[in-house]
Amino acid sequence: MLKVKWSTLAETTLVDEIDFIIKKWNSAEADKFVSLVYDYLEKLTKNPEIGIFNSKSNCYSIVISKQTTLFYKILESEKKVALILFWNNKQNPAYLKKMLHESY
């Protein structure tokens, strides 16, 4: 089983998603989302290759909810899943490429 390594960008973008959910819906929905995120993180620690690998960005992605995708890397030498960022799927994809490029 791998450990989870949070980047600053992953922490920030998760908080942004939670804030968005609270503003658009409510705190109860945000709590459900947070539970969903941690369920997926547990799955990733056991089977990190369940996401889709993208060779251009050299990372994996997994859809957490209809609106949110998690981007991550597998650091086999460190036995960790490195979280890169949580992405709101309604944002401009060009911005995603920039963020992924800047993150490593």
N, C-alpha and C. Protein backbone atom coordinates (compact mmCIF):
# COMPACT_ATOMS: atom_id res chain seq x y z
N MET A 1 0.84 -1.18 0.00
CA MET A 1 0.00 0.00 0.00
C MET A 1 0.89 1.25 0.00
N LEU A 2 0.53 2.21 -0.84
CA LEU A 2 1.30 3.44 -0.97
C LEU A 2 0.76 4.51 -0.03
N LYS A 3 1.58 5.52 0.21
CA LYS A 3 1.15 6.68 1.00
C LYS A 3 0.78 7.80 0.05
N VAL A 4 0.01 8.76 0.54
CA VAL A 4 -0.40 9.90 -0.26
C VAL A 4 0.50 11.09 0.06
N LYS A 5 1.01 11.72 -1.00
CA LYS A 5 1.84 12.91 -0.86
C LYS A 5 1.08 14.08 -1.49
N TRP A 6 0.74 15.06 -0.67
CA TRP A 6 -0.03 16.21 -1.14
C TRP A 6 0.91 17.32 -1.60
N SER A 7 0.68 17.85 -2.79
CA SER A 7 1.40 19.05 -3.21
C SER A 7 0.62 20.26 -2.70
N THR A 8 1.27 21.39 -2.66
CA THR A 8 0.59 22.62 -2.27
C THR A 8 -0.54 22.92 -3.24
N LEU A 9 -0.29 22.68 -4.53
CA LEU A 9 -1.32 22.92 -5.54
C LEU A 9 -2.52 22.00 -5.34
N ALA A 10 -2.30 20.76 -4.98
CA ALA A 10 -3.40 19.83 -4.72
C ALA A 10 -4.23 20.32 -3.53
N GLU A 11 -3.57 20.75 -2.48
CA GLU A 11 -4.29 21.26 -1.31
C GLU A 11 -5.13 22.49 -1.67
N THR A 12 -4.52 23.40 -2.41
CA THR A 12 -5.19 24.64 -2.80
C THR A 12 -6.38 24.37 -3.71
N THR A 13 -6.19 23.52 -4.71
CA THR A 13 -7.28 23.26 -5.66
C THR A 13 -8.40 22.45 -5.02
N LEU A 14 -8.10 21.62 -4.03
CA LEU A 14 -9.16 20.91 -3.31
C LEU A 14 -10.00 21.90 -2.51
N VAL A 15 -9.35 22.82 -1.84
CA VAL A 15 -10.07 23.85 -1.08
C VAL A 15 -10.94 24.68 -2.03
N ASP A 16 -10.40 25.01 -3.20
CA ASP A 16 -11.18 25.78 -4.19
C ASP A 16 -12.43 25.02 -4.61
N GLU A 17 -12.29 23.71 -4.84
CA GLU A 17 -13.45 22.90 -5.23
C GLU A 17 -14.49 22.84 -4.11
N ILE A 18 -14.02 22.68 -2.88
CA ILE A 18 -14.94 22.64 -1.74
C ILE A 18 -15.69 23.97 -1.61
N ASP A 19 -14.96 25.07 -1.75
CA ASP A 19 -15.60 26.40 -1.69
C ASP A 19 -16.64 26.56 -2.79
N PHE A 20 -16.30 26.09 -3.98
CA PHE A 20 -17.23 26.17 -5.11
C PHE A 20 -18.51 25.38 -4.81
N ILE A 21 -18.36 24.20 -4.27
CA ILE A 21 -19.53 23.35 -3.95
C ILE A 21 -20.39 24.01 -2.88
N ILE A 22 -19.76 24.56 -1.87
CA ILE A 22 -20.52 25.24 -0.80
C ILE A 22 -21.31 26.41 -1.38
N LYS A 23 -20.68 27.20 -2.25
CA LYS A 23 -21.36 28.36 -2.83
C LYS A 23 -22.49 27.95 -3.77
N LYS A 24 -22.24 26.91 -4.57
CA LYS A 24 -23.25 26.50 -5.56
C LYS A 24 -24.36 25.65 -4.94
N TRP A 25 -24.02 24.81 -3.97
CA TRP A 25 -25.00 23.94 -3.33
C TRP A 25 -25.07 24.22 -1.83
N ASN A 26 -24.33 23.45 -1.03
CA ASN A 26 -24.36 23.67 0.42
C ASN A 26 -23.25 22.87 1.10
N SER A 27 -23.12 23.04 2.39
CA SER A 27 -22.06 22.36 3.16
C SER A 27 -22.23 20.85 3.18
N ALA A 28 -23.47 20.38 3.19
CA ALA A 28 -23.70 18.94 3.19
C ALA A 28 -23.15 18.30 1.91
N GLU A 29 -23.34 18.96 0.79
CA GLU A 29 -22.81 18.45 -0.49
C GLU A 29 -21.28 18.50 -0.48
N ALA A 30 -20.73 19.53 0.12
CA ALA A 30 -19.27 19.63 0.23
C ALA A 30 -18.72 18.50 1.09
N ASP A 31 -19.41 18.17 2.17
CA ASP A 31 -18.99 17.06 3.03
C ASP A 31 -19.03 15.74 2.26
N LYS A 32 -20.06 15.54 1.44
CA LYS A 32 -20.15 14.33 0.62
C LYS A 32 -18.97 14.26 -0.35
N PHE A 33 -18.64 15.41 -0.94
CA PHE A 33 -17.51 15.47 -1.88
C PHE A 33 -16.21 15.11 -1.18
N VAL A 34 -15.97 15.67 -0.01
CA VAL A 34 -14.75 15.38 0.74
C VAL A 34 -14.66 13.89 1.06
N SER A 35 -15.76 13.28 1.45
CA SER A 35 -15.78 11.83 1.71
C SER A 35 -15.45 11.05 0.45
N LEU A 36 -16.01 11.50 -0.66
CA LEU A 36 -15.73 10.86 -1.95
C LEU A 36 -14.25 10.95 -2.31
N VAL A 37 -13.66 12.12 -2.08
CA VAL A 37 -12.23 12.31 -2.36
C VAL A 37 -11.41 11.32 -1.54
N TYR A 38 -11.69 11.22 -0.25
CA TYR A 38 -10.90 10.32 0.59
C TYR A 38 -11.15 8.85 0.28
N ASP A 39 -12.34 8.51 -0.20
CA ASP A 39 -12.58 7.14 -0.68
C ASP A 39 -11.68 6.83 -1.87
N TYR A 40 -11.59 7.79 -2.80
CA TYR A 40 -10.73 7.59 -3.96
C TYR A 40 -9.26 7.54 -3.57
N LEU A 41 -8.85 8.35 -2.62
CA LEU A 41 -7.46 8.33 -2.18
C LEU A 41 -7.10 6.97 -1.58
N GLU A 42 -8.03 6.41 -0.83
CA GLU A 42 -7.80 5.08 -0.27
C GLU A 42 -7.64 4.04 -1.39
N LYS A 43 -8.49 4.14 -2.41
CA LYS A 43 -8.39 3.22 -3.55
C LYS A 43 -7.05 3.38 -4.26
N LEU A 44 -6.61 4.63 -4.42
CA LEU A 44 -5.34 4.89 -5.11
C LEU A 44 -4.15 4.33 -4.34
N THR A 45 -4.21 4.34 -3.02
CA THR A 45 -3.08 3.80 -2.25
C THR A 45 -2.96 2.29 -2.43
N LYS A 46 -4.07 1.65 -2.75
CA LYS A 46 -4.07 0.19 -2.94
C LYS A 46 -3.84 -0.20 -4.39
N ASN A 47 -4.34 0.61 -5.31
CA ASN A 47 -4.24 0.30 -6.74
C ASN A 47 -4.06 1.61 -7.52
N PRO A 48 -2.86 2.18 -7.51
CA PRO A 48 -2.66 3.51 -8.09
C PRO A 48 -2.85 3.59 -9.61
N GLU A 49 -2.83 2.48 -10.27
CA GLU A 49 -2.94 2.51 -11.73
C GLU A 49 -4.38 2.45 -12.22
N ILE A 50 -5.35 2.68 -11.34
CA ILE A 50 -6.75 2.67 -11.78
C ILE A 50 -7.10 3.91 -12.60
N GLY A 51 -6.29 4.94 -12.49
CA GLY A 51 -6.52 6.14 -13.29
C GLY A 51 -6.07 5.93 -14.73
N ILE A 52 -6.26 6.94 -15.53
CA ILE A 52 -5.85 6.91 -16.93
C ILE A 52 -4.52 7.63 -17.06
N PHE A 53 -3.53 6.94 -17.65
CA PHE A 53 -2.21 7.56 -17.82
C PHE A 53 -2.19 8.38 -19.09
N ASN A 54 -1.65 9.60 -19.00
CA ASN A 54 -1.49 10.48 -20.14
C ASN A 54 0.00 10.70 -20.35
N SER A 55 0.52 10.20 -21.46
CA SER A 55 1.96 10.28 -21.70
C SER A 55 2.42 11.71 -21.96
N LYS A 56 1.56 12.56 -22.51
CA LYS A 56 1.94 13.96 -22.77
C LYS A 56 2.20 14.71 -21.46
N SER A 57 1.34 14.51 -20.49
CA SER A 57 1.52 15.20 -19.21
C SER A 57 2.28 14.34 -18.20
N ASN A 58 2.54 13.08 -18.55
CA ASN A 58 3.29 12.16 -17.71
C ASN A 58 2.67 12.01 -16.31
N CYS A 59 1.34 11.92 -16.30
CA CYS A 59 0.65 11.72 -15.03
C CYS A 59 -0.65 10.97 -15.28
N TYR A 60 -1.28 10.58 -14.19
CA TYR A 60 -2.56 9.87 -14.24
C TYR A 60 -3.67 10.86 -13.90
N SER A 61 -4.89 10.50 -14.34
CA SER A 61 -6.06 11.27 -13.93
C SER A 61 -7.18 10.29 -13.60
N ILE A 62 -8.01 10.71 -12.68
CA ILE A 62 -9.17 9.91 -12.31
C ILE A 62 -10.32 10.87 -12.00
N VAL A 63 -11.49 10.56 -12.52
CA VAL A 63 -12.66 11.40 -12.30
C VAL A 63 -13.22 11.09 -10.91
N ILE A 64 -13.24 12.11 -10.07
CA ILE A 64 -13.74 11.97 -8.70
C ILE A 64 -15.26 12.16 -8.67
N SER A 65 -15.73 13.15 -9.42
CA SER A 65 -17.16 13.42 -9.55
C SER A 65 -17.37 14.00 -10.94
N LYS A 66 -18.61 14.21 -11.30
CA LYS A 66 -18.92 14.74 -12.63
C LYS A 66 -18.15 16.03 -12.90
N GLN A 67 -17.92 16.80 -11.87
CA GLN A 67 -17.27 18.10 -12.06
C GLN A 67 -15.78 18.12 -11.76
N THR A 68 -15.23 17.09 -11.14
CA THR A 68 -13.85 17.16 -10.65
C THR A 68 -13.01 15.95 -11.05
N THR A 69 -11.81 16.25 -11.53
CA THR A 69 -10.83 15.22 -11.87
C THR A 69 -9.58 15.45 -11.04
N LEU A 70 -9.01 14.37 -10.55
CA LEU A 70 -7.76 14.42 -9.80
C LEU A 70 -6.62 14.00 -10.71
N PHE A 71 -5.54 14.79 -10.73
CA PHE A 71 -4.32 14.45 -11.46
C PHE A 71 -3.25 14.07 -10.45
N TYR A 72 -2.54 12.99 -10.75
CA TYR A 72 -1.54 12.48 -9.80
C TYR A 72 -0.44 11.71 -10.52
N LYS A 73 0.64 11.47 -9.78
CA LYS A 73 1.75 10.66 -10.26
C LYS A 73 1.99 9.52 -9.27
N ILE A 74 2.58 8.47 -9.77
CA ILE A 74 2.98 7.36 -8.91
C ILE A 74 4.48 7.47 -8.73
N LEU A 75 4.92 7.60 -7.49
CA LEU A 75 6.35 7.67 -7.17
C LEU A 75 6.74 6.32 -6.58
N GLU A 76 7.05 5.39 -7.46
CA GLU A 76 7.32 4.02 -7.00
C GLU A 76 8.51 3.94 -6.05
N SER A 77 9.56 4.71 -6.34
CA SER A 77 10.75 4.65 -5.48
C SER A 77 10.46 5.14 -4.06
N GLU A 78 9.49 6.04 -3.93
CA GLU A 78 9.11 6.56 -2.61
C GLU A 78 7.89 5.84 -2.03
N LYS A 79 7.30 4.95 -2.83
CA LYS A 79 6.08 4.24 -2.44
C LYS A 79 4.98 5.22 -2.06
N LYS A 80 4.76 6.21 -2.98
CA LYS A 80 3.77 7.26 -2.74
C LYS A 80 2.97 7.55 -4.00
N VAL A 81 1.76 8.03 -3.78
CA VAL A 81 0.93 8.62 -4.82
C VAL A 81 1.01 10.12 -4.59
N ALA A 82 1.59 10.84 -5.56
CA ALA A 82 1.77 12.28 -5.43
C ALA A 82 0.59 13.00 -6.10
N LEU A 83 -0.20 13.69 -5.30
CA LEU A 83 -1.34 14.42 -5.82
C LEU A 83 -0.87 15.73 -6.42
N ILE A 84 -1.26 15.97 -7.68
CA ILE A 84 -0.83 17.18 -8.37
C ILE A 84 -1.87 18.28 -8.21
N LEU A 85 -3.12 17.98 -8.64
CA LEU A 85 -4.16 18.99 -8.52
C LEU A 85 -5.54 18.39 -8.72
N PHE A 86 -6.52 19.07 -8.18
CA PHE A 86 -7.93 18.75 -8.39
C PHE A 86 -8.43 19.76 -9.41
N TRP A 87 -9.06 19.27 -10.47
CA TRP A 87 -9.44 20.12 -11.59
C TRP A 87 -10.95 20.16 -11.76
N ASN A 88 -11.52 21.36 -11.81
CA ASN A 88 -12.94 21.51 -12.11
C ASN A 88 -13.08 21.36 -13.63
N ASN A 89 -13.80 20.35 -14.06
CA ASN A 89 -13.89 19.98 -15.47
C ASN A 89 -14.54 21.03 -16.36
N LYS A 90 -15.13 22.05 -15.77
CA LYS A 90 -15.76 23.10 -16.57
C LYS A 90 -14.80 24.25 -16.89
N GLN A 91 -13.58 24.16 -16.38
CA GLN A 91 -12.60 25.21 -16.64
C GLN A 91 -11.97 25.03 -18.02
N ASN A 92 -11.28 26.05 -18.47
CA ASN A 92 -10.61 26.05 -19.76
C ASN A 92 -9.47 25.02 -19.77
N PRO A 93 -9.51 24.05 -20.70
CA PRO A 93 -8.47 23.02 -20.77
C PRO A 93 -7.06 23.58 -21.01
N ALA A 94 -6.96 24.71 -21.66
CA ALA A 94 -5.64 25.33 -21.88
C ALA A 94 -4.99 25.70 -20.55
N TYR A 95 -5.81 26.13 -19.60
CA TYR A 95 -5.32 26.47 -18.27
C TYR A 95 -4.83 25.22 -17.54
N LEU A 96 -5.50 24.10 -17.76
CA LEU A 96 -5.07 22.83 -17.16
C LEU A 96 -3.68 22.46 -17.65
N LYS A 97 -3.44 22.54 -18.94
CA LYS A 97 -2.12 22.22 -19.49
C LYS A 97 -1.05 23.09 -18.85
N LYS A 98 -1.34 24.38 -18.69
CA LYS A 98 -0.39 25.30 -18.07
C LYS A 98 -0.11 24.90 -16.62
N MET A 99 -1.17 24.58 -15.88
CA MET A 99 -1.00 24.20 -14.47
C MET A 99 -0.21 22.91 -14.34
N LEU A 100 -0.51 21.93 -15.18
CA LEU A 100 0.23 20.66 -15.12
C LEU A 100 1.69 20.87 -15.48
N HIS A 101 1.93 21.69 -16.48
CA HIS A 101 3.31 21.96 -16.90
C HIS A 101 4.09 22.66 -15.80
N GLU A 102 3.46 23.61 -15.13
CA GLU A 102 4.13 24.36 -14.07
C GLU A 102 4.32 23.57 -12.79
N SER A 103 3.55 22.49 -12.64
CA SER A 103 3.61 21.75 -11.38
C SER A 103 4.82 20.84 -11.27
N TYR A 104 5.50 20.58 -12.40
CA TYR A 104 6.73 19.77 -12.33
C TYR A 104 7.68 20.09 -13.41
